[in-house]
C-alpha atoms as a PDB file:
ATOM      1  CA  MET A   1      11.255 -21.208  -6.118  1.00  0.00           C
ATOM      2  CA  LYS A   2      13.770 -18.340  -6.309  1.00  0.00           C
ATOM      3  CA  VAL A   3      12.589 -17.421  -9.798  1.00  0.00           C
ATOM      4  CA  MET A   4       8.945 -17.515  -8.702  1.00  0.00           C
ATOM      5  CA  ILE A   5       9.689 -15.201  -5.764  1.00  0.00           C
ATOM      6  CA  GLU A   6      11.581 -12.792  -8.010  1.00  0.00           C
ATOM      7  CA  LYS A   7       8.774 -12.804 -10.582  1.00  0.00           C
ATOM      8  CA  LYS A   8       6.075 -12.103  -7.983  1.00  0.00           C
ATOM      9  CA  CYS A   9       8.138  -9.333  -6.339  1.00  0.00           C
ATOM     10  CA  ASP A  10       8.768  -7.757  -9.748  1.00  0.00           C
ATOM     11  CA  GLU A  11       5.024  -7.907 -10.435  1.00  0.00           C
ATOM     12  CA  ILE A  12       4.259  -6.107  -7.167  1.00  0.00           C
ATOM     13  CA  LYS A  13       7.016  -3.577  -7.862  1.00  0.00           C
ATOM     14  CA  GLN A  14       5.566  -2.736 -11.277  1.00  0.00           C
ATOM     15  CA  PHE A  15       2.051  -2.632  -9.832  1.00  0.00           C
ATOM     16  CA  LEU A  16       3.153  -0.034  -7.255  1.00  0.00           C
ATOM     17  CA  ILE A  17       5.054   2.014  -9.826  1.00  0.00           C
ATOM     18  CA  ASP A  18       2.035   2.026 -12.151  1.00  0.00           C
ATOM     19  CA  LYS A  19      -0.330   3.037  -9.334  1.00  0.00           C
ATOM     20  CA  ASN A  20       2.077   5.777  -8.257  1.00  0.00           C
ATOM     21  CA  ILE A  21       2.065   7.145 -11.801  1.00  0.00           C
ATOM     22  CA  ALA A  22      -1.746   6.976 -11.939  1.00  0.00           C
ATOM     23  CA  TYR A  23      -2.483   8.410  -8.489  1.00  0.00           C
ATOM     24  CA  GLY A  24       0.628  10.395  -7.690  1.00  0.00           C
ATOM     25  CA  ASN A  25       2.298   9.821  -4.362  1.00  0.00           C
ATOM     26  CA  SER A  26      -1.005   9.995  -2.476  1.00  0.00           C
ATOM     27  CA  ALA A  27      -0.243   7.002  -0.235  1.00  0.00           C
ATOM     28  CA  LEU A  28       2.948   8.503   1.177  1.00  0.00           C
ATOM     29  CA  GLU A  29       2.021  12.172   0.775  1.00  0.00           C
ATOM     30  CA  PRO A  30      -1.720  12.383   1.540  1.00  0.00           C
ATOM     31  CA  ILE A  31      -3.369  15.745   0.892  1.00  0.00           C
ATOM     32  CA  ASN A  32      -5.127  15.597   4.280  1.00  0.00           C
ATOM     33  CA  ILE A  33      -8.302  17.420   3.281  1.00  0.00           C
ATOM     34  CA  PHE A  34     -10.695  15.256   5.311  1.00  0.00           C
ATOM     35  CA  SER A  35      -8.340  13.049   7.279  1.00  0.00           C
ATOM     36  CA  LYS A  36      -5.445  14.589   9.136  1.00  0.00           C
ATOM     37  CA  ASN A  37      -3.823  11.236   9.889  1.00  0.00           C
ATOM     38  CA  THR A  38      -0.256  10.486   8.922  1.00  0.00           C
ATOM     39  CA  ALA A  39       0.566   8.375   5.890  1.00  0.00           C
ATOM     40  CA  VAL A  40       1.289   5.450   8.232  1.00  0.00           C
ATOM     41  CA  GLU A  41      -2.154   5.705   9.854  1.00  0.00           C
ATOM     42  CA  GLN A  42      -3.943   6.116   6.529  1.00  0.00           C
ATOM     43  CA  LEU A  43      -2.161   3.073   5.096  1.00  0.00           C
ATOM     44  CA  ALA A  44      -3.155   1.080   8.185  1.00  0.00           C
ATOM     45  CA  VAL A  45      -6.807   1.989   7.532  1.00  0.00           C
ATOM     46  CA  ARG A  46      -6.498   0.917   3.890  1.00  0.00           C
ATOM     47  CA  MET A  47      -4.976  -2.392   4.984  1.00  0.00           C
ATOM     48  CA  ASP A  48      -7.799  -2.917   7.486  1.00  0.00           C
ATOM     49  CA  ASP A  49     -10.300  -2.342   4.671  1.00  0.00           C
ATOM     50  CA  LYS A  50      -8.558  -4.890   2.435  1.00  0.00           C
ATOM     51  CA  ILE A  51      -8.397  -7.471   5.224  1.00  0.00           C
ATOM     52  CA  ASN A  52     -12.094  -6.886   5.919  1.00  0.00           C
ATOM     53  CA  ARG A  53     -12.868  -7.584   2.250  1.00  0.00           C
ATOM     54  CA  LEU A  54     -10.868 -10.800   2.437  1.00  0.00           C
ATOM     55  CA  LYS A  55     -12.648 -11.833   5.619  1.00  0.00           C
ATOM     56  CA  LYS A  56     -16.078 -11.159   4.146  1.00  0.00           C
ATOM     57  CA  GLY A  57     -15.182 -12.546   0.724  1.00  0.00           C
ATOM     58  CA  SER A  58     -16.425  -9.378  -0.945  1.00  0.00           C
ATOM     59  CA  GLU A  59     -14.227  -8.097  -3.733  1.00  0.00           C
ATOM     60  CA  TYR A  60     -15.164  -5.565  -6.349  1.00  0.00           C
ATOM     61  CA  LEU A  61     -15.123  -6.831  -9.899  1.00  0.00           C
ATOM     62  CA  GLY A  62     -11.615  -6.445 -11.291  1.00  0.00           C
ATOM     63  CA  ASP A  63      -9.983  -5.902  -7.905  1.00  0.00           C
ATOM     64  CA  ASP A  64      -7.121  -8.029  -6.660  1.00  0.00           C
ATOM     65  CA  THR A  65      -7.376  -7.617  -2.901  1.00  0.00           C
ATOM     66  CA  ILE A  66      -4.291  -9.729  -2.159  1.00  0.00           C
ATOM     67  CA  LYS A  67      -2.165  -7.683  -4.557  1.00  0.00           C
ATOM     68  CA  ASP A  68      -3.575  -4.438  -3.141  1.00  0.00           C
ATOM     69  CA  LEU A  69      -2.886  -5.570   0.426  1.00  0.00           C
ATOM     70  CA  THR A  70       0.653  -6.623  -0.491  1.00  0.00           C
ATOM     71  CA  GLY A  71       1.232  -3.241  -2.113  1.00  0.00           C
ATOM     72  CA  TYR A  72      -0.089  -1.412   0.942  1.00  0.00           C
ATOM     73  CA  LEU A  73       2.210  -3.474   3.177  1.00  0.00           C
ATOM     74  CA  VAL A  74       5.210  -2.424   1.083  1.00  0.00           C
ATOM     75  CA  LEU A  75       4.104   1.218   1.179  1.00  0.00           C
ATOM     76  CA  TYR A  76       3.535   0.900   4.937  1.00  0.00           C
ATOM     77  CA  MET A  77       7.120  -0.273   5.402  1.00  0.00           C
ATOM     78  CA  ILE A  78       8.369   2.672   3.332  1.00  0.00           C
ATOM     79  CA  ALA A  79       6.200   5.117   5.293  1.00  0.00           C
ATOM     80  CA  LYS A  80       7.539   3.725   8.589  1.00  0.00           C
ATOM     81  CA  ASP A  81      11.117   4.125   7.286  1.00  0.00           C
ATOM     82  CA  ILE A  82      10.387   7.733   6.312  1.00  0.00           C
ATOM     83  CA  GLU A  83       8.762   8.400   9.695  1.00  0.00           C
ATOM     84  CA  THR A  84      11.784   6.928  11.501  1.00  0.00           C
ATOM     85  CA  GLU A  85      14.194   8.992   9.389  1.00  0.00           C
ATOM     86  CA  ILE A  86      12.259  12.206  10.097  1.00  0.00           C
ATOM     87  CA  LYS A  87      12.374  11.497  13.846  1.00  0.00           C
ATOM     88  CA  ARG A  88      16.169  11.151  13.644  1.00  0.00           C
ATOM     89  CA  ILE A  89      16.558  14.614  12.172  1.00  0.00           C
END
């Protein structure tokens, strides 16, 4: 089981690194053109959207909603850590 957990976590890690290269750091540093919400709030909206897709059973072809949701949860934790650190300063 340990090896399976490590393999899946490594897969998510690489997925997030690849998406960060492709999209830049848009999840944690949004450009805020239309939405003025914080990164934490914007990630929460993205997670709501993914959960809604799971609930309705409506995925786009080629999407992996579970992997996307897992990635957003990791980014959400990072965003909360950054937010907490900024409040300490």
